[in-house]
Amino acid sequence: MQRQPIGSFEAIVTALGGTSEFARILDREAPSVCAWRSKGKVPSKFYPVVRAELLKRGYAVPPLGLFSFYVTKRRRKRADAAASSFRCRS
């Protein structure tokens, strides 16, 4: 069975039953969802719940770009250091 793709914040909200239902699923108030709408992204801490709900309803896994993932300076430094020490060997 082919899962329906999700390509936008609005598609997530619609797939999960609208603003009020989406807020209920995430244990938030509807104004929170409206505030996220202006950025077009869901806070990353809700990714596991949103992913599970969408899969349960027959939708594809949403793109990570629809979520606000933040990288701290410390993690970025470690990632940059690891990337600079990596060499492809032929």
PDB file of N, CA and C in Angstrom:
ATOM      1  N   MET A   1       0.833  -1.187   0.000  1.00  0.00           N
ATOM      2  CA  MET A   1       0.000   0.000   0.000  1.00  0.00           C
ATOM      3  C   MET A   1       0.875   1.247   0.000  1.00  0.00           C
ATOM      4  N   GLN A   2       0.606   2.146  -0.900  1.00  0.00           N
ATOM      5  CA  GLN A   2       1.329   3.407  -1.012  1.00  0.00           C
ATOM      6  C   GLN A   2       0.790   4.400   0.024  1.00  0.00           C
ATOM      7  N   ARG A   3       1.682   4.993   0.798  1.00  0.00           N
ATOM      8  CA  ARG A   3       1.266   5.984   1.791  1.00  0.00           C
ATOM      9  C   ARG A   3       1.169   7.361   1.152  1.00  0.00           C
ATOM     10  N   GLN A   4       0.220   8.152   1.603  1.00  0.00           N
ATOM     11  CA  GLN A   4       0.042   9.504   1.075  1.00  0.00           C
ATOM     12  C   GLN A   4       1.167  10.408   1.571  1.00  0.00           C
ATOM     13  N   PRO A   5       1.787  11.162   0.677  1.00  0.00           N
ATOM     14  CA  PRO A   5       2.885  12.034   1.098  1.00  0.00           C
ATOM     15  C   PRO A   5       2.393  13.269   1.851  1.00  0.00           C
ATOM     16  N   ILE A   6       3.256  13.772   2.700  1.00  0.00           N
ATOM     17  CA  ILE A   6       2.997  15.011   3.441  1.00  0.00           C
ATOM     18  C   ILE A   6       4.092  15.983   3.024  1.00  0.00           C
ATOM     19  N   GLY A   7       3.710  17.167   2.556  1.00  0.00           N
ATOM     20  CA  GLY A   7       4.725  18.086   2.060  1.00  0.00           C
ATOM     21  C   GLY A   7       4.717  19.476   2.657  1.00  0.00           C
ATOM     22  N   SER A   8       3.807  19.735   3.614  1.00  0.00           N
ATOM     23  CA  SER A   8       3.763  21.072   4.198  1.00  0.00           C
ATOM     24  C   SER A   8       3.179  21.018   5.609  1.00  0.00           C
ATOM     25  N   PHE A   9       3.370  22.097   6.322  1.00  0.00           N
ATOM     26  CA  PHE A   9       2.798  22.215   7.658  1.00  0.00           C
ATOM     27  C   PHE A   9       1.279  22.074   7.578  1.00  0.00           C
ATOM     28  N   GLU A  10       0.681  22.757   6.610  1.00  0.00           N
ATOM     29  CA  GLU A  10      -0.775  22.697   6.451  1.00  0.00           C
ATOM     30  C   GLU A  10      -1.252  21.275   6.174  1.00  0.00           C
ATOM     31  N   ALA A  11      -0.475  20.521   5.415  1.00  0.00           N
ATOM     32  CA  ALA A  11      -0.841  19.133   5.123  1.00  0.00           C
ATOM     33  C   ALA A  11      -0.831  18.293   6.401  1.00  0.00           C
ATOM     34  N   ILE A  12       0.120  18.556   7.296  1.00  0.00           N
ATOM     35  CA  ILE A  12       0.159  17.842   8.586  1.00  0.00           C
ATOM     36  C   ILE A  12      -1.098  18.161   9.375  1.00  0.00           C
ATOM     37  N   VAL A  13      -1.411  19.447   9.499  1.00  0.00           N
ATOM     38  CA  VAL A  13      -2.587  19.872  10.275  1.00  0.00           C
ATOM     39  C   VAL A  13      -3.861  19.257   9.700  1.00  0.00           C
ATOM     40  N   THR A  14      -4.009  19.304   8.401  1.00  0.00           N
ATOM     41  CA  THR A  14      -5.203  18.744   7.750  1.00  0.00           C
ATOM     42  C   THR A  14      -5.283  17.236   7.963  1.00  0.00           C
ATOM     43  N   ALA A  15      -4.164  16.549   7.779  1.00  0.00           N
ATOM     44  CA  ALA A  15      -4.139  15.086   7.930  1.00  0.00           C
ATOM     45  C   ALA A  15      -4.491  14.649   9.346  1.00  0.00           C
ATOM     46  N   LEU A  16      -4.153  15.491  10.316  1.00  0.00           N
ATOM     47  CA  LEU A  16      -4.420  15.130  11.707  1.00  0.00           C
ATOM     48  C   LEU A  16      -5.709  15.743  12.251  1.00  0.00           C
ATOM     49  N   GLY A  17      -6.586  16.228  11.353  1.00  0.00           N
ATOM     50  CA  GLY A  17      -7.925  16.619  11.766  1.00  0.00           C
ATOM     51  C   GLY A  17      -8.168  18.090  12.007  1.00  0.00           C
ATOM     52  N   GLY A  18      -7.255  18.946  11.599  1.00  0.00           N
ATOM     53  CA  GLY A  18      -7.455  20.383  11.781  1.00  0.00           C
ATOM     54  C   GLY A  18      -6.710  20.919  12.989  1.00  0.00           C
ATOM     55  N   THR A  19      -6.765  22.215  13.147  1.00  0.00           N
ATOM     56  CA  THR A  19      -5.993  22.902  14.186  1.00  0.00           C
ATOM     57  C   THR A  19      -6.316  22.400  15.589  1.00  0.00           C
ATOM     58  N   SER A  20      -7.584  22.333  15.941  1.00  0.00           N
ATOM     59  CA  SER A  20      -7.973  21.928  17.305  1.00  0.00           C
ATOM     60  C   SER A  20      -7.579  20.487  17.606  1.00  0.00           C
ATOM     61  N   GLU A  21      -7.816  19.593  16.646  1.00  0.00           N
ATOM     62  CA  GLU A  21      -7.472  18.180  16.853  1.00  0.00           C
ATOM     63  C   GLU A  21      -5.966  17.984  16.923  1.00  0.00           C
ATOM     64  N   PHE A  22      -5.230  18.693  16.071  1.00  0.00           N
ATOM     65  CA  PHE A  22      -3.760  18.621  16.086  1.00  0.00           C
ATOM     66  C   PHE A  22      -3.247  19.088  17.450  1.00  0.00           C
ATOM     67  N   ALA A  23      -3.801  20.196  17.957  1.00  0.00           N
ATOM     68  CA  ALA A  23      -3.401  20.702  19.271  1.00  0.00           C
ATOM     69  C   ALA A  23      -3.717  19.680  20.368  1.00  0.00           C
ATOM     70  N   ARG A  24      -4.880  19.050  20.286  1.00  0.00           N
ATOM     71  CA  ARG A  24      -5.269  18.046  21.286  1.00  0.00           C
ATOM     72  C   ARG A  24      -4.306  16.866  21.284  1.00  0.00           C
ATOM     73  N   ILE A  25      -3.949  16.382  20.081  1.00  0.00           N
ATOM     74  CA  ILE A  25      -3.017  15.260  19.954  1.00  0.00           C
ATOM     75  C   ILE A  25      -1.686  15.573  20.636  1.00  0.00           C
ATOM     76  N   LEU A  26      -1.256  16.831  20.519  1.00  0.00           N
ATOM     77  CA  LEU A  26       0.035  17.241  21.085  1.00  0.00           C
ATOM     78  C   LEU A  26      -0.092  17.794  22.501  1.00  0.00           C
ATOM     79  N   ASP A  27      -1.291  17.751  23.067  1.00  0.00           N
ATOM     80  CA  ASP A  27      -1.552  18.270  24.404  1.00  0.00           C
ATOM     81  C   ASP A  27      -1.171  19.747  24.509  1.00  0.00           C
ATOM     82  N   ARG A  28      -1.599  20.502  23.511  1.00  0.00           N
ATOM     83  CA  ARG A  28      -1.356  21.943  23.442  1.00  0.00           C
ATOM     84  C   ARG A  28      -2.675  22.649  23.162  1.00  0.00           C
ATOM     85  N   GLU A  29      -2.654  23.961  23.268  1.00  0.00           N
ATOM     86  CA  GLU A  29      -3.818  24.782  22.934  1.00  0.00           C
ATOM     87  C   GLU A  29      -3.756  25.156  21.455  1.00  0.00           C
ATOM     88  N   ALA A  30      -4.903  25.392  20.842  1.00  0.00           N
ATOM     89  CA  ALA A  30      -4.967  25.754  19.424  1.00  0.00           C
ATOM     90  C   ALA A  30      -4.119  26.981  19.072  1.00  0.00           C
ATOM     91  N   PRO A  31      -4.040  28.023  19.941  1.00  0.00           N
ATOM     92  CA  PRO A  31      -3.188  29.164  19.590  1.00  0.00           C
ATOM     93  C   PRO A  31      -1.711  28.802  19.378  1.00  0.00           C
ATOM     94  N   SER A  32      -1.251  27.749  20.039  1.00  0.00           N
ATOM     95  CA  SER A  32       0.136  27.294  19.819  1.00  0.00           C
ATOM     96  C   SER A  32       0.319  26.845  18.380  1.00  0.00           C
ATOM     97  N   VAL A  33      -0.635  26.074  17.894  1.00  0.00           N
ATOM     98  CA  VAL A  33      -0.566  25.589  16.515  1.00  0.00           C
ATOM     99  C   VAL A  33      -0.616  26.774  15.550  1.00  0.00           C
ATOM    100  N   CYS A  34      -1.450  27.749  15.866  1.00  0.00           N
ATOM    101  CA  CYS A  34      -1.536  28.940  15.012  1.00  0.00           C
ATOM    102  C   CYS A  34      -0.208  29.693  14.981  1.00  0.00           C
ATOM    103  N   ALA A  35       0.485  29.747  16.102  1.00  0.00           N
ATOM    104  CA  ALA A  35       1.796  30.408  16.152  1.00  0.00           C
ATOM    105  C   ALA A  35       2.822  29.642  15.316  1.00  0.00           C
ATOM    106  N   TRP A  36       2.774  28.320  15.359  1.00  0.00           N
ATOM    107  CA  TRP A  36       3.711  27.512  14.560  1.00  0.00           C
ATOM    108  C   TRP A  36       3.428  27.694  13.076  1.00  0.00           C
ATOM    109  N   ARG A  37       2.168  27.921  12.746  1.00  0.00           N
ATOM    110  CA  ARG A  37       1.763  28.071  11.348  1.00  0.00           C
ATOM    111  C   ARG A  37       2.541  29.224  10.691  1.00  0.00           C
ATOM    112  N   SER A  38       2.814  30.288  11.438  1.00  0.00           N
ATOM    113  CA  SER A  38       3.525  31.436  10.858  1.00  0.00           C
ATOM    114  C   SER A  38       4.937  31.057  10.410  1.00  0.00           C
ATOM    115  N   LYS A  39       5.552  30.091  11.103  1.00  0.00           N
ATOM    116  CA  LYS A  39       6.882  29.602  10.710  1.00  0.00           C
ATOM    117  C   LYS A  39       6.800  28.440   9.739  1.00  0.00           C
ATOM    118  N   GLY A  40       5.651  27.795   9.723  1.00  0.00           N
ATOM    119  CA  GLY A  40       5.476  26.638   8.848  1.00  0.00           C
ATOM    120  C   GLY A  40       6.209  25.403   9.336  1.00  0.00           C
ATOM    121  N   LYS A  41       6.509  25.379  10.653  1.00  0.00           N
ATOM    122  CA  LYS A  41       7.242  24.240  11.221  1.00  0.00           C
ATOM    123  C   LYS A  41       6.671  23.847  12.575  1.00  0.00           C
ATOM    124  N   VAL A  42       6.758  22.564  12.862  1.00  0.00           N
ATOM    125  CA  VAL A  42       6.340  22.016  14.148  1.00  0.00           C
ATOM    126  C   VAL A  42       7.598  21.900  15.015  1.00  0.00           C
ATOM    127  N   PRO A  43       7.525  22.264  16.305  1.00  0.00           N
ATOM    128  CA  PRO A  43       8.694  22.074  17.170  1.00  0.00           C
ATOM    129  C   PRO A  43       9.146  20.610  17.153  1.00  0.00           C
ATOM    130  N   SER A  44      10.447  20.414  17.103  1.00  0.00           N
ATOM    131  CA  SER A  44      11.016  19.072  16.926  1.00  0.00           C
ATOM    132  C   SER A  44      10.642  18.090  18.022  1.00  0.00           C
ATOM    133  N   LYS A  45      10.361  18.578  19.224  1.00  0.00           N
ATOM    134  CA  LYS A  45      10.036  17.642  20.310  1.00  0.00           C
ATOM    135  C   LYS A  45       8.755  16.864  20.033  1.00  0.00           C
ATOM    136  N   PHE A  46       7.939  17.344  19.090  1.00  0.00           N
ATOM    137  CA  PHE A  46       6.702  16.656  18.749  1.00  0.00           C
ATOM    138  C   PHE A  46       6.862  15.692  17.575  1.00  0.00           C
ATOM    139  N   TYR A  47       8.062  15.601  17.014  1.00  0.00           N
ATOM    140  CA  TYR A  47       8.270  14.737  15.846  1.00  0.00           C
ATOM    141  C   TYR A  47       7.804  13.298  16.087  1.00  0.00           C
ATOM    142  N   PRO A  48       8.205  12.651  17.188  1.00  0.00           N
ATOM    143  CA  PRO A  48       7.778  11.246  17.368  1.00  0.00           C
ATOM    144  C   PRO A  48       6.255  11.074  17.393  1.00  0.00           C
ATOM    145  N   VAL A  49       5.552  11.987  18.038  1.00  0.00           N
ATOM    146  CA  VAL A  49       4.093  11.881  18.125  1.00  0.00           C
ATOM    147  C   VAL A  49       3.454  12.120  16.762  1.00  0.00           C
ATOM    148  N   VAL A  50       3.905  13.177  16.077  1.00  0.00           N
ATOM    149  CA  VAL A  50       3.345  13.502  14.764  1.00  0.00           C
ATOM    150  C   VAL A  50       3.610  12.362  13.784  1.00  0.00           C
ATOM    151  N   ARG A  51       4.826  11.847  13.793  1.00  0.00           N
ATOM    152  CA  ARG A  51       5.188  10.742  12.900  1.00  0.00           C
ATOM    153  C   ARG A  51       4.284   9.530  13.145  1.00  0.00           C
ATOM    154  N   ALA A  52       4.125   9.159  14.406  1.00  0.00           N
ATOM    155  CA  ALA A  52       3.309   7.993  14.750  1.00  0.00           C
ATOM    156  C   ALA A  52       1.847   8.195  14.328  1.00  0.00           C
ATOM    157  N   GLU A  53       1.320   9.369  14.584  1.00  0.00           N
ATOM    158  CA  GLU A  53      -0.076   9.646  14.211  1.00  0.00           C
ATOM    159  C   GLU A  53      -0.274   9.606  12.700  1.00  0.00           C
ATOM    160  N   LEU A  54       0.660  10.197  11.963  1.00  0.00           N
ATOM    161  CA  LEU A  54       0.535  10.192  10.502  1.00  0.00           C
ATOM    162  C   LEU A  54       0.619   8.772   9.948  1.00  0.00           C
ATOM    163  N   LEU A  55       1.562   7.980  10.451  1.00  0.00           N
ATOM    164  CA  LEU A  55       1.692   6.591   9.984  1.00  0.00           C
ATOM    165  C   LEU A  55       0.438   5.793  10.308  1.00  0.00           C
ATOM    166  N   LYS A  56      -0.119   6.015  11.489  1.00  0.00           N
ATOM    167  CA  LYS A  56      -1.345   5.313  11.894  1.00  0.00           C
ATOM    168  C   LYS A  56      -2.510   5.648  10.963  1.00  0.00           C
ATOM    169  N   ARG A  57      -2.497   6.857  10.414  1.00  0.00           N
ATOM    170  CA  ARG A  57      -3.586   7.305   9.542  1.00  0.00           C
ATOM    171  C   ARG A  57      -3.301   7.085   8.058  1.00  0.00           C
ATOM    172  N   GLY A  58      -2.184   6.399   7.755  1.00  0.00           N
ATOM    173  CA  GLY A  58      -1.901   6.037   6.369  1.00  0.00           C
ATOM    174  C   GLY A  58      -1.093   7.043   5.577  1.00  0.00           C
ATOM    175  N   TYR A  59      -0.433   7.961   6.274  1.00  0.00           N
ATOM    176  CA  TYR A  59       0.400   8.956   5.595  1.00  0.00           C
ATOM    177  C   TYR A  59       1.868   8.553   5.675  1.00  0.00           C
ATOM    178  N   ALA A  60       2.652   9.124   4.784  1.00  0.00           N
ATOM    179  CA  ALA A  60       4.095   8.860   4.775  1.00  0.00           C
ATOM    180  C   ALA A  60       4.764   9.626   5.919  1.00  0.00           C
ATOM    181  N   VAL A  61       5.984   9.223   6.228  1.00  0.00           N
ATOM    182  CA  VAL A  61       6.763   9.926   7.247  1.00  0.00           C
ATOM    183  C   VAL A  61       7.001  11.357   6.753  1.00  0.00           C
ATOM    184  N   PRO A  62       6.708  12.351   7.598  1.00  0.00           N
ATOM    185  CA  PRO A  62       6.880  13.733   7.151  1.00  0.00           C
ATOM    186  C   PRO A  62       8.353  14.105   7.013  1.00  0.00           C
ATOM    187  N   PRO A  63       8.696  14.981   6.084  1.00  0.00           N
ATOM    188  CA  PRO A  63      10.081  15.417   5.922  1.00  0.00           C
ATOM    189  C   PRO A  63      10.571  16.148   7.179  1.00  0.00           C
ATOM    190  N   LEU A  64      11.819  15.937   7.548  1.00  0.00           N
ATOM    191  CA  LEU A  64      12.377  16.584   8.733  1.00  0.00           C
ATOM    192  C   LEU A  64      12.377  18.102   8.598  1.00  0.00           C
ATOM    193  N   GLY A  65      12.374  18.594   7.378  1.00  0.00           N
ATOM    194  CA  GLY A  65      12.359  20.036   7.149  1.00  0.00           C
ATOM    195  C   GLY A  65      11.103  20.725   7.644  1.00  0.00           C
ATOM    196  N   LEU A  66      10.069  19.961   7.970  1.00  0.00           N
ATOM    197  CA  LEU A  66       8.838  20.543   8.493  1.00  0.00           C
ATOM    198  C   LEU A  66       8.869  20.676  10.015  1.00  0.00           C
ATOM    199  N   PHE A  67      10.016  20.368  10.598  1.00  0.00           N
ATOM    200  CA  PHE A  67      10.183  20.447  12.047  1.00  0.00           C
ATOM    201  C   PHE A  67      11.353  21.359  12.375  1.00  0.00           C
ATOM    202  N   SER A  68      11.271  22.043  13.517  1.00  0.00           N
ATOM    203  CA  SER A  68      12.318  22.979  13.940  1.00  0.00           C
ATOM    204  C   SER A  68      13.365  22.245  14.769  1.00  0.00           C
ATOM    205  N   PHE A  69      14.358  21.694  14.104  1.00  0.00           N
ATOM    206  CA  PHE A  69      15.463  21.053  14.804  1.00  0.00           C
ATOM    207  C   PHE A  69      16.562  22.077  14.975  1.00  0.00           C
ATOM    208  N   TYR A  70      17.086  22.168  16.172  1.00  0.00           N
ATOM    209  CA  TYR A  70      18.148  23.127  16.449  1.00  0.00           C
ATOM    210  C   TYR A  70      19.416  22.385  16.817  1.00  0.00           C
ATOM    211  N   VAL A  71      20.521  22.905  16.363  1.00  0.00           N
ATOM    212  CA  VAL A  71      21.814  22.326  16.704  1.00  0.00           C
ATOM    213  C   VAL A  71      22.531  23.314  17.605  1.00  0.00           C
ATOM    214  N   THR A  72      22.958  22.853  18.780  1.00  0.00           N
ATOM    215  CA  THR A  72      23.668  23.738  19.690  1.00  0.00           C
ATOM    216  C   THR A  72      25.075  23.984  19.164  1.00  0.00           C
ATOM    217  N   LYS A  73      25.707  25.039  19.635  1.00  0.00           N
ATOM    218  CA  LYS A  73      27.072  25.363  19.204  1.00  0.00           C
ATOM    219  C   LYS A  73      28.023  24.217  19.518  1.00  0.00           C
ATOM    220  N   ARG A  74      27.850  23.610  20.674  1.00  0.00           N
ATOM    221  CA  ARG A  74      28.726  22.509  21.077  1.00  0.00           C
ATOM    222  C   ARG A  74      28.615  21.327  20.115  1.00  0.00           C
ATOM    223  N   ARG A  75      27.394  20.959  19.767  1.00  0.00           N
ATOM    224  CA  ARG A  75      27.190  19.847  18.824  1.00  0.00           C
ATOM    225  C   ARG A  75      27.708  20.201  17.438  1.00  0.00           C
ATOM    226  N   ARG A  76      27.510  21.446  17.029  1.00  0.00           N
ATOM    227  CA  ARG A  76      27.984  21.868  15.717  1.00  0.00           C
ATOM    228  C   ARG A  76      29.512  21.776  15.656  1.00  0.00           C
ATOM    229  N   LYS A  77      30.196  22.183  16.738  1.00  0.00           N
ATOM    230  CA  LYS A  77      31.664  22.107  16.775  1.00  0.00           C
ATOM    231  C   LYS A  77      32.123  20.656  16.634  1.00  0.00           C
ATOM    232  N   ARG A  78      31.466  19.762  17.377  1.00  0.00           N
ATOM    233  CA  ARG A  78      31.837  18.344  17.304  1.00  0.00           C
ATOM    234  C   ARG A  78      31.584  17.784  15.912  1.00  0.00           C
ATOM    235  N   ALA A  79      30.462  18.156  15.320  1.00  0.00           N
ATOM    236  CA  ALA A  79      30.144  17.664  13.981  1.00  0.00           C
ATOM    237  C   ALA A  79      31.141  18.195  12.958  1.00  0.00           C
ATOM    238  N   ASP A  80      31.495  19.475  13.083  1.00  0.00           N
ATOM    239  CA  ASP A  80      32.475  20.066  12.164  1.00  0.00           C
ATOM    240  C   ASP A  80      33.837  19.394  12.316  1.00  0.00           C
ATOM    241  N   ALA A  81      34.238  19.117  13.558  1.00  0.00           N
ATOM    242  CA  ALA A  81      35.521  18.457  13.806  1.00  0.00           C
ATOM    243  C   ALA A  81      35.525  17.047  13.217  1.00  0.00           C
ATOM    244  N   ALA A  82      34.436  16.346  13.401  1.00  0.00           N
ATOM    245  CA  ALA A  82      34.341  14.987  12.867  1.00  0.00           C
ATOM    246  C   ALA A  82      34.377  15.012  11.343  1.00  0.00           C
ATOM    247  N   ALA A  83      33.667  15.959  10.744  1.00  0.00           N
ATOM    248  CA  ALA A  83      33.631  16.052   9.284  1.00  0.00           C
ATOM    249  C   ALA A  83      34.993  16.412   8.707  1.00  0.00           C
ATOM    250  N   SER A  84      35.732  17.274   9.406  1.00  0.00           N
ATOM    251  CA  SER A  84      37.040  17.676   8.863  1.00  0.00           C
ATOM    252  C   SER A  84      38.070  16.565   8.987  1.00  0.00           C
ATOM    253  N   SER A  85      37.873  15.652   9.944  1.00  0.00           N
ATOM    254  CA  SER A  85      38.831  14.556  10.074  1.00  0.00           C
ATOM    255  C   SER A  85      38.493  13.362   9.186  1.00  0.00           C
ATOM    256  N   PHE A  86      37.319  13.379   8.576  1.00  0.00           N
ATOM    257  CA  PHE A  86      36.898  12.275   7.724  1.00  0.00           C
ATOM    258  C   PHE A  86      37.545  12.406   6.353  1.00  0.00           C
ATOM    259  N   ARG A  87      38.113  11.322   5.892  1.00  0.00           N
ATOM    260  CA  ARG A  87      38.714  11.308   4.558  1.00  0.00           C
ATOM    261  C   ARG A  87      38.198  10.100   3.787  1.00  0.00           C
ATOM    262  N   CYS A  88      37.865  10.357   2.557  1.00  0.00           N
ATOM    263  CA  CYS A  88      37.458   9.255   1.676  1.00  0.00           C
ATOM    264  C   CYS A  88      38.714   8.542   1.207  1.00  0.00           C
ATOM    265  N   ARG A  89      38.680   7.253   1.256  1.00  0.00           N
ATOM    266  CA  ARG A  89      39.839   6.482   0.799  1.00  0.00           C
ATOM    267  C   ARG A  89      39.475   5.753  -0.484  1.00  0.00           C
ATOM    268  N   SER A  90      40.359   5.833  -1.422  1.00  0.00           N
ATOM    269  CA  SER A  90      40.066   5.163  -2.677  1.00  0.00           C
ATOM    270  C   SER A  90      40.909   3.933  -2.872  1.00  0.00           C
TER     271      SER A  90
END
